[in-house]
Amino acid sequence: MVEIADLLAAGLLQSFEPLNFAMILAGCMAGLFIGGMPGRGSVSGVAILLPVTFLVPPTAAIIFLAALYYGAMYGGAISSITLGIPGASTAVATVFDGRPMAQKGKANQAMMAAAIASFIGGTISIILFTLFAPPLAEVALKFGPQEEFALMILAFATFIGLGGDDIPKTIFSILLGLVMAAVGFDIISGKPRLIFFDLVEFQRGIGFLVLAIGIYGIGEMLWTLEQTGGKVKLDYVKTTWAEFKKHLGQIKAYLPTTSLGSALGFFVGTLPAAGATPASLMAYGLAKTFSNDPDSFGKGNIAGVAAPEAANNAASTGSMLPMITLGIPGSPTTAILLGGMIIWGLRPGPLLFANNPDFVWGLIGSMYVANFVTVALNLALIPLFVRVLAMPFTILTPIIFILCFVGVFATTDRMFDVWLMLALGLGGYLLRKLNYPVAPAVLAIVLGPLAERSMRQSLIGSQGDVTTFISISEHPISLGCIVIAVMLMLYPVWSNYRRKLANRSTL
């Protein structure tokens, strides 16, 4: 514990360095605005602004993107409450009671409750992150290629078993991502493979930035435009210091469920494919279950705002844990962060703690600072954010499109990638239109090459013996992960069977 405290102190000092602190401020501010925009979210923000971070060192870059991630989770409540439109799927549960409160003229109370609950959730999850990250990294140091491959399979299985989407569509999305990851040259032999239409440009593969910005920048914006029709109805919000002090005295009413939601959100966030959306919905259900007045939920109960906001912010930190310690993203946003770190030459995983301790603890330290900065900015600038949200879509949409075009061309310097981004954006829009989840595809694009490399290294080392992955004497961790993966993939089948039995018994 003493060693962890010393490393954390060094990380906190590093986060207050002028450049890093400036990145925290910029990331939190940008995240709040992006998170508050209807249909935008942390995934879109990180994808669109990732090219900008190449102008600064890797540590400052990841600190900026992580701060943007936290800020976007805070900001999602703004549009949920004032517009009735979630800034992202993670803020869906906030609409249930946040919007009714706004319609009753209590939008300021709902906004402050969301901000304070987000702070509580963020604080609890960061402390848990600090305690769990080092021991998990030490265990992961024992991982070889077999264990790494088994972990990747577990990540895919989690998406299939716990994703909550249509299973065949989820599998299709994963396979689509694996196909796109296979474009270009073979990672072992160096021979070309899957070169679409024999175009030379595809020999370089499909750039991760091109795909992320296309799907989450262009595709999500087109989807939002279709859903909203470019029209929003805004509720005015005004906050004062007197109202804030009055609200602080009301925290005790929802503190227990907020704390439980925070812990729940953290552990749910650590699961690949789970993330903040199911965490917030589970926390909402938890708050309703333990409430003395469950019938008031959905009609403007302040606990129905606080619990999901605490959970989704806790989940955002929780999703960072497997990415940093194991190299497995816990959410679509951390998948993009993982892709960015690989571009910067950093390999997330257990060795990151040994090889780049300054980077790891600087990032952890920035989490504490960013949490305080974000809640302060959120409470102080709520009226400003609301005014920005009133911006017509006819202005907002071109700005986002220009950011996408500039971001891709500036990083690749190829018009082919710009056209490819547009094509992928249309593809992402069609997937959303047909109710296909896009997150599994992004996960597959990031993890696909890592899984392939680990698998082939394992098979080369074992001279083609596929049983090396399930050898209980040599690789018990690999066997355990594969067993859990199989159980997760069979879980939907078991759930459907139980549901059918229950339906028959009621007839």
Protein backbone atom coordinates (compact mmCIF):
# COMPACT_ATOMS: atom_id res chain seq x y z
CA MET A 1 0.00 0.00 0.00
CA VAL A 2 2.87 2.36 0.81
CA GLU A 3 4.39 1.75 -2.63
CA ILE A 4 1.04 2.39 -4.34
CA ALA A 5 0.63 5.62 -2.34
CA ASP A 6 4.11 6.81 -3.43
CA LEU A 7 3.43 5.98 -7.09
CA LEU A 8 0.04 7.69 -6.92
CA ALA A 9 1.59 10.81 -5.39
CA ALA A 10 4.13 10.91 -8.24
CA GLY A 11 1.29 10.49 -10.73
CA LEU A 12 -0.68 13.35 -9.16
CA LEU A 13 2.38 15.62 -9.38
CA GLN A 14 2.83 14.62 -13.02
CA SER A 15 -0.81 15.46 -13.81
CA PHE A 16 -0.24 19.02 -12.50
CA GLU A 17 2.58 19.66 -14.96
CA PRO A 18 1.54 22.60 -17.17
CA LEU A 19 1.00 20.62 -20.38
CA ASN A 20 -0.77 17.71 -18.70
CA PHE A 21 -3.02 19.99 -16.63
CA ALA A 22 -3.87 22.00 -19.75
CA MET A 23 -4.81 18.73 -21.46
CA ILE A 24 -7.06 17.82 -18.51
CA LEU A 25 -8.85 21.17 -18.68
CA ALA A 26 -9.23 21.01 -22.47
CA GLY A 27 -10.37 17.37 -22.39
CA CYS A 28 -12.95 17.93 -19.64
CA MET A 29 -14.36 21.01 -21.39
CA ALA A 30 -14.51 19.32 -24.80
CA GLY A 31 -16.02 16.18 -23.25
CA LEU A 32 -18.80 18.12 -21.53
CA PHE A 33 -19.80 19.82 -24.78
CA ILE A 34 -19.52 16.66 -26.89
CA GLY A 35 -21.31 14.50 -24.32
CA GLY A 36 -24.12 17.03 -24.13
CA MET A 37 -24.76 17.06 -27.86
CA PRO A 38 -27.67 14.81 -28.89
CA GLY A 39 -26.37 11.59 -30.36
CA ARG A 40 -22.78 12.43 -29.57
CA GLY A 41 -20.90 10.67 -26.84
CA SER A 42 -17.48 9.72 -25.62
CA VAL A 43 -16.95 7.32 -28.52
CA SER A 44 -17.60 9.99 -31.14
CA GLY A 45 -15.57 12.61 -29.28
CA VAL A 46 -12.51 10.42 -28.82
CA ALA A 47 -12.68 9.16 -32.42
CA ILE A 48 -13.00 12.65 -33.94
CA LEU A 49 -10.36 14.33 -31.74
CA LEU A 50 -7.83 11.47 -31.72
CA PRO A 51 -5.83 12.95 -34.64
CA VAL A 52 -5.39 16.22 -32.71
CA THR A 53 -3.48 14.41 -29.96
CA PHE A 54 -0.60 13.52 -32.28
CA LEU A 55 0.66 17.07 -31.70
CA VAL A 56 1.58 16.33 -28.05
CA PRO A 57 3.55 13.55 -26.27
CA PRO A 58 1.76 10.22 -25.71
CA THR A 59 1.20 10.79 -21.96
CA ALA A 60 -0.42 14.18 -22.51
CA ALA A 61 -2.43 12.74 -25.40
CA ILE A 62 -3.97 9.85 -23.45
CA ILE A 63 -4.61 12.17 -20.47
CA PHE A 64 -6.54 14.49 -22.82
CA LEU A 65 -8.60 11.65 -24.29
CA ALA A 66 -9.27 10.10 -20.87
CA ALA A 67 -10.41 13.50 -19.55
CA LEU A 68 -12.63 13.86 -22.61
CA TYR A 69 -14.07 10.43 -21.82
CA TYR A 70 -14.96 11.46 -18.25
CA GLY A 71 -16.30 14.80 -19.40
CA ALA A 72 -18.55 13.18 -22.00
CA MET A 73 -20.00 10.85 -19.35
CA TYR A 74 -20.83 13.90 -17.23
CA GLY A 75 -22.19 15.81 -20.24
CA GLY A 76 -24.59 13.09 -21.38
CA ALA A 77 -27.01 14.14 -18.62
CA ILE A 78 -27.29 17.70 -19.98
CA SER A 79 -29.22 16.85 -23.15
CA SER A 80 -31.04 13.98 -21.41
CA ILE A 81 -32.58 16.39 -18.91
CA THR A 82 -33.01 19.56 -20.98
CA LEU A 83 -33.91 18.01 -24.34
CA GLY A 84 -35.17 14.56 -23.45
CA ILE A 85 -32.59 13.21 -25.93
CA PRO A 86 -29.70 11.15 -24.44
CA GLY A 87 -26.29 12.53 -25.35
CA ALA A 88 -25.33 8.85 -25.69
CA SER A 89 -26.78 5.44 -24.91
CA THR A 90 -25.10 5.62 -21.50
CA ALA A 91 -27.46 8.43 -20.47
CA VAL A 92 -30.69 6.69 -21.51
CA ALA A 93 -31.67 5.87 -17.92
CA THR A 94 -31.18 9.52 -16.92
CA VAL A 95 -34.04 10.52 -19.21
CA PHE A 96 -36.56 8.42 -17.27
CA ASP A 97 -36.70 10.85 -14.33
CA GLY A 98 -34.51 13.72 -15.52
CA ARG A 99 -36.89 14.79 -18.27
CA PRO A 100 -40.02 14.74 -16.01
CA MET A 101 -38.11 16.87 -13.48
CA ALA A 102 -37.27 19.40 -16.20
CA GLN A 103 -40.90 19.53 -17.29
CA LYS A 104 -41.84 20.31 -13.68
CA GLY A 105 -39.40 23.23 -13.59
CA LYS A 106 -36.77 21.30 -11.61
CA ALA A 107 -34.16 21.01 -14.37
CA ASN A 108 -31.58 22.81 -12.20
CA GLN A 109 -32.03 20.27 -9.39
CA ALA A 110 -31.75 17.38 -11.82
CA MET A 111 -28.59 18.82 -13.39
CA MET A 112 -26.91 19.38 -10.03
CA ALA A 113 -27.92 15.91 -8.82
CA ALA A 114 -26.46 14.39 -11.99
CA ALA A 115 -23.19 16.31 -11.56
CA ILE A 116 -22.74 15.47 -7.88
CA ALA A 117 -23.69 11.81 -8.38
CA SER A 118 -21.26 11.60 -11.28
CA PHE A 119 -18.55 12.96 -9.00
CA ILE A 120 -19.37 10.40 -6.29
CA GLY A 121 -19.37 7.57 -8.84
CA GLY A 122 -16.11 8.78 -10.38
CA THR A 123 -14.39 9.11 -7.00
CA ILE A 124 -15.39 5.63 -5.78
CA SER A 125 -14.39 4.00 -9.07
CA ILE A 126 -11.01 5.75 -9.24
CA ILE A 127 -10.16 4.56 -5.72
CA LEU A 128 -11.15 1.00 -6.69
CA PHE A 129 -9.10 1.35 -9.89
CA THR A 130 -6.02 2.37 -7.89
CA LEU A 131 -6.40 -0.60 -5.55
CA PHE A 132 -7.15 -3.25 -8.21
CA ALA A 133 -4.85 -2.22 -11.09
CA PRO A 134 -1.41 -3.17 -9.65
CA PRO A 135 -2.34 -6.68 -8.40
CA LEU A 136 -4.20 -7.44 -11.62
CA ALA A 137 -1.17 -6.35 -13.64
CA GLU A 138 1.09 -8.63 -11.55
CA VAL A 139 -1.14 -11.62 -12.27
CA ALA A 140 -1.27 -10.72 -15.95
CA LEU A 141 2.56 -10.76 -16.16
CA LYS A 142 2.31 -14.55 -16.11
CA PHE A 143 0.32 -14.48 -19.36
CA GLY A 144 1.81 -16.00 -22.50
CA PRO A 145 0.44 -16.10 -26.08
CA GLN A 146 -2.05 -18.83 -25.13
CA GLU A 147 -3.46 -16.78 -22.25
CA GLU A 148 -3.60 -13.64 -24.39
CA PHE A 149 -5.55 -15.47 -27.11
CA ALA A 150 -7.94 -16.94 -24.55
CA LEU A 151 -8.57 -13.45 -23.16
CA MET A 152 -9.43 -12.16 -26.63
CA ILE A 153 -11.87 -15.03 -27.10
CA LEU A 154 -13.36 -14.16 -23.70
CA ALA A 155 -13.83 -10.54 -24.81
CA PHE A 156 -15.69 -11.62 -27.96
CA ALA A 157 -17.77 -14.14 -25.99
CA THR A 158 -18.73 -11.44 -23.49
CA PHE A 159 -20.12 -9.33 -26.30
CA ILE A 160 -22.13 -12.30 -27.56
CA GLY A 161 -23.38 -13.50 -24.19
CA LEU A 162 -23.93 -10.25 -22.32
CA GLY A 163 -24.21 -7.67 -25.07
CA GLY A 164 -27.99 -7.66 -24.92
CA ASP A 165 -28.33 -7.31 -28.68
CA ASP A 166 -29.61 -9.80 -31.22
CA ILE A 167 -27.02 -12.61 -31.05
CA PRO A 168 -26.80 -13.33 -34.82
CA LYS A 169 -26.43 -9.61 -35.51
CA THR A 170 -23.71 -9.31 -32.86
CA ILE A 171 -21.80 -12.24 -34.40
CA PHE A 172 -22.18 -10.69 -37.86
CA SER A 173 -20.81 -7.39 -36.55
CA ILE A 174 -17.80 -9.15 -35.00
CA LEU A 175 -17.10 -11.07 -38.22
CA LEU A 176 -17.40 -7.85 -40.23
CA GLY A 177 -14.81 -6.24 -37.96
CA LEU A 178 -12.47 -9.23 -38.32
CA VAL A 179 -12.76 -9.02 -42.11
CA MET A 180 -11.83 -5.33 -42.10
CA ALA A 181 -8.92 -6.07 -39.73
CA ALA A 182 -7.60 -8.66 -42.22
CA VAL A 183 -7.28 -6.13 -45.07
CA GLY A 184 -3.68 -5.49 -46.08
CA PHE A 185 -0.60 -7.62 -45.45
CA ASP A 186 -0.39 -10.77 -43.34
CA ILE A 187 1.07 -9.89 -39.93
CA ILE A 188 3.32 -12.99 -39.83
CA SER A 189 4.32 -13.81 -43.43
CA GLY A 190 4.09 -10.28 -44.83
CA LYS A 191 2.12 -11.47 -47.90
CA PRO A 192 -0.82 -9.41 -49.20
CA ARG A 193 -4.32 -10.66 -48.40
CA LEU A 194 -7.88 -9.42 -48.81
CA ILE A 195 -7.03 -6.55 -51.17
CA PHE A 196 -10.47 -5.30 -52.24
CA PHE A 197 -10.81 -4.75 -56.01
CA ASP A 198 -6.99 -5.11 -56.28
CA LEU A 199 -6.63 -1.46 -55.23
CA VAL A 200 -3.09 -0.61 -54.17
CA GLU A 201 -4.43 1.68 -51.42
CA PHE A 202 -5.88 -1.31 -49.55
CA GLN A 203 -2.42 -2.86 -49.18
CA ARG A 204 -1.85 -0.53 -46.25
CA GLY A 205 -4.98 -1.89 -44.59
CA ILE A 206 -7.92 0.09 -43.28
CA GLY A 207 -6.62 2.65 -40.84
CA PHE A 208 -8.17 2.51 -37.40
CA LEU A 209 -8.72 6.26 -37.34
CA VAL A 210 -10.47 6.16 -40.70
CA LEU A 211 -12.85 3.49 -39.49
CA ALA A 212 -13.51 5.02 -36.05
CA ILE A 213 -14.18 8.52 -37.38
CA GLY A 214 -16.28 7.16 -40.25
CA ILE A 215 -18.54 5.01 -38.07
CA TYR A 216 -18.80 7.27 -35.03
CA GLY A 217 -18.38 10.67 -36.69
CA ILE A 218 -20.31 10.38 -39.97
CA GLY A 219 -22.53 7.37 -39.26
CA GLU A 220 -23.75 8.47 -35.82
CA MET A 221 -24.42 12.03 -37.01
CA LEU A 222 -26.55 10.78 -39.90
CA TRP A 223 -28.44 8.55 -37.47
CA THR A 224 -29.03 11.44 -35.06
CA LEU A 225 -30.28 13.69 -37.84
CA GLU A 226 -32.76 11.05 -38.90
CA GLN A 227 -33.99 10.41 -35.35
CA THR A 228 -34.41 14.04 -34.33
CA GLY A 229 -35.35 15.53 -37.69
CA GLY A 230 -32.91 18.30 -36.87
CA LYS A 231 -35.36 19.76 -34.35
CA VAL A 232 -34.98 19.99 -30.56
CA LYS A 233 -37.13 21.41 -27.76
CA LEU A 234 -35.07 23.00 -25.00
CA ASP A 235 -35.92 23.58 -21.33
CA TYR A 236 -34.19 26.64 -19.85
CA VAL A 237 -31.90 26.03 -16.87
CA LYS A 238 -30.56 28.56 -14.39
CA THR A 239 -28.36 27.70 -11.42
CA THR A 240 -27.32 29.85 -8.46
CA TRP A 241 -24.97 29.38 -5.51
CA ALA A 242 -27.93 29.43 -3.12
CA GLU A 243 -29.65 26.64 -5.03
CA PHE A 244 -26.44 24.62 -5.04
CA LYS A 245 -26.03 24.90 -1.24
CA LYS A 246 -29.68 23.94 -0.80
CA HIS A 247 -29.20 20.89 -2.99
CA LEU A 248 -26.12 19.74 -1.04
CA GLY A 249 -28.40 19.19 1.93
CA GLN A 250 -30.56 16.84 -0.17
CA ILE A 251 -27.71 14.49 -1.10
CA LYS A 252 -28.42 12.23 1.90
CA ALA A 253 -31.71 11.22 0.27
CA TYR A 254 -29.99 9.40 -2.59
CA LEU A 255 -26.45 8.82 -1.24
CA PRO A 256 -26.91 5.09 -0.34
CA THR A 257 -28.24 4.04 -3.76
CA THR A 258 -25.70 6.32 -5.46
CA SER A 259 -22.84 4.61 -3.61
CA LEU A 260 -24.17 1.14 -4.45
CA GLY A 261 -24.64 2.19 -8.08
CA SER A 262 -21.05 3.45 -8.16
CA ALA A 263 -19.60 0.14 -6.97
CA LEU A 264 -21.90 -1.78 -9.31
CA GLY A 265 -20.96 0.48 -12.23
CA PHE A 266 -17.24 -0.04 -11.67
CA PHE A 267 -17.40 -3.85 -11.70
CA VAL A 268 -19.86 -3.96 -14.61
CA GLY A 269 -17.62 -1.55 -16.51
CA THR A 270 -14.68 -3.93 -16.22
CA LEU A 271 -16.57 -6.52 -18.30
CA PRO A 272 -15.92 -6.28 -22.05
CA ALA A 273 -19.21 -5.52 -23.83
CA ALA A 274 -21.00 -4.55 -20.69
CA GLY A 275 -19.88 -1.00 -20.15
CA ALA A 276 -21.79 2.04 -18.95
CA THR A 277 -25.17 1.52 -20.60
CA PRO A 278 -26.20 -1.70 -18.79
CA ALA A 279 -24.50 -0.39 -15.63
CA SER A 280 -26.69 2.72 -15.59
CA LEU A 281 -29.85 0.71 -16.27
CA MET A 282 -28.98 -1.78 -13.52
CA ALA A 283 -28.30 1.06 -11.08
CA TYR A 284 -31.64 2.65 -11.96
CA GLY A 285 -33.37 -0.66 -11.22
CA LEU A 286 -31.41 -0.94 -7.96
CA ALA A 287 -32.48 2.55 -6.87
CA LYS A 288 -36.10 1.78 -7.67
CA THR A 289 -35.97 -1.55 -5.81
CA PHE A 290 -34.58 -0.04 -2.60
CA SER A 291 -36.70 3.12 -2.76
CA ASN A 292 -39.42 3.80 -0.22
CA ASP A 293 -41.54 5.21 -3.06
CA PRO A 294 -40.88 3.08 -6.17
CA ASP A 295 -44.03 4.34 -7.91
CA SER A 296 -42.51 7.83 -8.16
CA PHE A 297 -39.78 6.58 -10.50
CA GLY A 298 -40.39 7.68 -14.06
CA LYS A 299 -42.31 10.70 -12.75
CA GLY A 300 -39.41 12.84 -11.52
CA ASN A 301 -37.65 11.06 -8.63
CA ILE A 302 -34.23 12.62 -8.08
CA ALA A 303 -32.72 9.24 -7.11
CA GLY A 304 -33.65 8.05 -10.62
CA VAL A 305 -31.24 10.68 -11.96
CA ALA A 306 -28.43 10.25 -9.45
CA ALA A 307 -28.10 6.43 -9.46
CA PRO A 308 -27.62 5.89 -13.24
CA GLU A 309 -25.31 8.91 -13.51
CA ALA A 310 -23.10 7.58 -10.72
CA ALA A 311 -23.05 4.15 -12.36
CA ASN A 312 -22.16 5.26 -15.88
CA ASN A 313 -19.31 7.44 -14.63
CA ALA A 314 -18.01 4.61 -12.46
CA ALA A 315 -18.27 2.26 -15.43
CA SER A 316 -16.19 4.60 -17.59
CA THR A 317 -13.32 4.27 -15.12
CA GLY A 318 -13.94 0.55 -14.68
CA SER A 319 -13.64 -0.01 -18.44
CA MET A 320 -10.12 1.47 -18.29
CA LEU A 321 -8.96 -1.26 -15.90
CA PRO A 322 -8.88 -4.25 -18.32
CA MET A 323 -7.50 -2.01 -21.07
CA ILE A 324 -4.52 -0.85 -19.03
CA THR A 325 -3.76 -4.13 -17.22
CA LEU A 326 -4.74 -6.76 -19.80
CA GLY A 327 -4.88 -4.91 -23.13
CA ILE A 328 -8.61 -5.68 -23.48
CA PRO A 329 -10.95 -2.70 -23.89
CA GLY A 330 -13.96 -2.67 -21.59
CA SER A 331 -16.02 -0.36 -23.83
CA PRO A 332 -16.08 0.99 -27.42
CA THR A 333 -14.41 4.20 -26.19
CA THR A 334 -11.53 2.34 -24.55
CA ALA A 335 -11.23 0.29 -27.76
CA ILE A 336 -10.45 3.54 -29.58
CA LEU A 337 -8.08 4.56 -26.78
CA LEU A 338 -6.35 1.19 -27.15
CA GLY A 339 -5.99 1.76 -30.88
CA GLY A 340 -4.51 5.20 -30.23
CA MET A 341 -2.01 3.85 -27.69
CA ILE A 342 -0.85 1.21 -30.18
CA ILE A 343 -0.37 3.97 -32.78
CA TRP A 344 1.77 5.88 -30.24
CA GLY A 345 3.94 2.79 -29.70
CA LEU A 346 2.50 1.89 -26.29
CA ARG A 347 1.35 -1.69 -25.74
CA PRO A 348 -1.37 -1.79 -23.07
CA GLY A 349 -1.05 -4.79 -20.81
CA PRO A 350 0.82 -5.94 -17.72
CA LEU A 351 4.22 -4.92 -19.09
CA LEU A 352 2.98 -1.33 -19.34
CA PHE A 353 3.31 -1.04 -15.53
CA ALA A 354 6.90 -2.28 -15.70
CA ASN A 355 8.07 -0.51 -18.87
CA ASN A 356 6.12 2.77 -18.63
CA PRO A 357 5.32 3.40 -14.94
CA ASP A 358 5.42 7.19 -15.40
CA PHE A 359 2.76 6.95 -18.09
CA VAL A 360 0.50 4.60 -16.11
CA TRP A 361 0.59 6.50 -12.83
CA GLY A 362 0.42 9.84 -14.59
CA LEU A 363 -2.81 8.63 -16.19
CA ILE A 364 -4.18 7.34 -12.86
CA GLY A 365 -3.27 10.62 -11.18
CA SER A 366 -5.01 12.56 -13.94
CA MET A 367 -8.21 10.60 -13.23
CA TYR A 368 -8.41 12.14 -9.75
CA VAL A 369 -7.70 15.64 -11.03
CA ALA A 370 -10.07 15.33 -14.00
CA ASN A 371 -12.90 14.21 -11.73
CA PHE A 372 -12.64 17.41 -9.65
CA VAL A 373 -12.16 19.63 -12.70
CA THR A 374 -15.14 18.14 -14.52
CA VAL A 375 -17.63 18.51 -11.67
CA ALA A 376 -16.50 22.14 -11.13
CA LEU A 377 -16.84 22.99 -14.83
CA ASN A 378 -20.14 21.14 -15.07
CA LEU A 379 -21.76 23.01 -12.17
CA ALA A 380 -20.32 26.39 -13.17
CA LEU A 381 -21.12 26.23 -16.87
CA ILE A 382 -24.50 24.47 -16.95
CA PRO A 383 -26.31 27.57 -18.33
CA LEU A 384 -23.66 27.96 -21.06
CA PHE A 385 -23.91 24.30 -22.09
CA VAL A 386 -27.67 24.61 -22.36
CA ARG A 387 -27.34 27.63 -24.64
CA VAL A 388 -24.89 25.77 -26.88
CA LEU A 389 -27.32 22.87 -27.13
CA ALA A 390 -29.83 25.30 -28.59
CA MET A 391 -27.52 25.62 -31.64
CA PRO A 392 -29.45 24.63 -34.80
CA PHE A 393 -28.48 21.31 -36.34
CA THR A 394 -27.92 23.14 -39.61
CA ILE A 395 -24.83 24.70 -37.98
CA LEU A 396 -23.76 21.81 -35.75
CA THR A 397 -23.77 19.13 -38.45
CA PRO A 398 -21.39 20.87 -40.91
CA ILE A 399 -18.96 21.59 -38.03
CA ILE A 400 -18.81 17.89 -37.10
CA PHE A 401 -18.43 16.83 -40.75
CA ILE A 402 -15.56 19.30 -41.28
CA LEU A 403 -13.81 17.99 -38.13
CA CYS A 404 -14.11 14.46 -39.51
CA PHE A 405 -12.68 15.39 -42.93
CA VAL A 406 -9.81 17.43 -41.51
CA GLY A 407 -9.01 14.81 -38.86
CA VAL A 408 -8.67 11.98 -41.37
CA PHE A 409 -6.79 13.91 -44.08
CA ALA A 410 -4.39 15.54 -41.61
CA THR A 411 -3.30 12.17 -40.22
CA THR A 412 -3.11 10.12 -43.43
CA ASP A 413 -2.56 12.78 -46.14
CA ARG A 414 -4.57 10.63 -48.58
CA MET A 415 -7.89 11.56 -50.21
CA PHE A 416 -8.56 7.83 -50.59
CA ASP A 417 -8.90 7.59 -46.81
CA VAL A 418 -11.36 10.51 -46.80
CA TRP A 419 -13.58 8.75 -49.35
CA LEU A 420 -13.18 5.48 -47.43
CA MET A 421 -14.24 7.28 -44.24
CA LEU A 422 -17.42 8.48 -45.99
CA ALA A 423 -18.15 4.96 -47.25
CA LEU A 424 -17.61 3.49 -43.78
CA GLY A 425 -19.81 6.21 -42.30
CA LEU A 426 -22.64 5.28 -44.65
CA GLY A 427 -22.05 1.63 -43.77
CA GLY A 428 -22.21 2.44 -40.06
CA TYR A 429 -25.44 4.36 -40.60
CA LEU A 430 -26.98 1.41 -42.46
CA LEU A 431 -25.95 -0.95 -39.64
CA ARG A 432 -27.70 1.30 -37.09
CA LYS A 433 -30.69 1.57 -39.40
CA LEU A 434 -30.95 -2.22 -39.52
CA ASN A 435 -30.42 -2.51 -35.74
CA TYR A 436 -26.96 -4.05 -36.04
CA PRO A 437 -24.63 -3.12 -33.14
CA VAL A 438 -21.47 -1.34 -34.33
CA ALA A 439 -19.49 -1.64 -31.08
CA PRO A 440 -18.60 -5.35 -31.64
CA ALA A 441 -17.17 -4.46 -35.06
CA VAL A 442 -14.91 -1.81 -33.53
CA LEU A 443 -13.83 -4.25 -30.83
CA ALA A 444 -13.02 -6.88 -33.47
CA ILE A 445 -10.94 -4.43 -35.51
CA VAL A 446 -8.81 -3.63 -32.46
CA LEU A 447 -8.57 -7.11 -30.95
CA GLY A 448 -8.59 -9.13 -34.19
CA PRO A 449 -4.90 -8.59 -35.08
CA LEU A 450 -3.86 -9.12 -31.45
CA ALA A 451 -5.85 -12.38 -31.25
CA GLU A 452 -4.44 -13.59 -34.57
CA ARG A 453 -0.86 -12.90 -33.55
CA SER A 454 -1.27 -14.65 -30.18
CA MET A 455 -2.95 -17.65 -31.79
CA ARG A 456 -0.29 -18.09 -34.45
CA GLN A 457 2.55 -17.63 -31.95
CA SER A 458 0.95 -20.30 -29.77
CA LEU A 459 0.54 -22.74 -32.66
CA ILE A 460 4.09 -22.14 -33.89
CA GLY A 461 5.46 -22.71 -30.40
CA SER A 462 3.41 -25.90 -29.91
CA GLN A 463 4.11 -27.16 -33.48
CA GLY A 464 0.45 -26.95 -34.46
CA ASP A 465 -1.00 -28.61 -31.37
CA VAL A 466 -4.38 -26.88 -30.79
CA THR A 467 -4.73 -28.51 -27.36
CA THR A 468 -2.09 -26.10 -26.07
CA PHE A 469 -4.91 -23.61 -25.33
CA ILE A 470 -6.72 -26.05 -23.01
CA SER A 471 -3.78 -27.75 -21.33
CA ILE A 472 -4.62 -27.80 -17.61
CA SER A 473 -1.00 -28.51 -16.61
CA GLU A 474 0.73 -25.88 -18.77
CA HIS A 475 -1.91 -23.19 -19.32
CA PRO A 476 -4.64 -23.36 -16.65
CA ILE A 477 -5.50 -19.66 -17.03
CA SER A 478 -6.08 -20.13 -20.77
CA LEU A 479 -8.31 -23.12 -20.09
CA GLY A 480 -10.29 -21.18 -17.49
CA CYS A 481 -10.86 -18.24 -19.85
CA ILE A 482 -12.00 -20.54 -22.68
CA VAL A 483 -14.39 -22.40 -20.35
CA ILE A 484 -15.90 -19.08 -19.20
CA ALA A 485 -16.13 -17.95 -22.84
CA VAL A 486 -18.05 -21.09 -23.81
CA MET A 487 -20.38 -20.62 -20.83
CA LEU A 488 -21.03 -17.02 -21.84
CA MET A 489 -21.84 -18.02 -25.41
CA LEU A 490 -24.23 -20.70 -24.14
CA TYR A 491 -25.86 -18.32 -21.64
CA PRO A 492 -28.36 -16.83 -24.16
CA VAL A 493 -29.44 -20.36 -25.16
CA TRP A 494 -30.00 -21.27 -21.52
CA SER A 495 -31.90 -18.03 -20.88
CA ASN A 496 -34.21 -18.67 -23.84
CA TYR A 497 -34.83 -22.23 -22.63
CA ARG A 498 -35.76 -21.00 -19.15
CA ARG A 499 -38.03 -18.37 -20.64
CA LYS A 500 -39.85 -20.97 -22.72
CA LEU A 501 -40.29 -23.23 -19.67
CA ALA A 502 -41.69 -20.30 -17.69
CA ASN A 503 -44.14 -19.46 -20.47
CA ARG A 504 -45.32 -23.07 -20.64
CA SER A 505 -45.88 -23.23 -16.88
CA THR A 506 -48.07 -20.12 -17.00
CA LEU A 507 -50.32 -21.58 -19.70
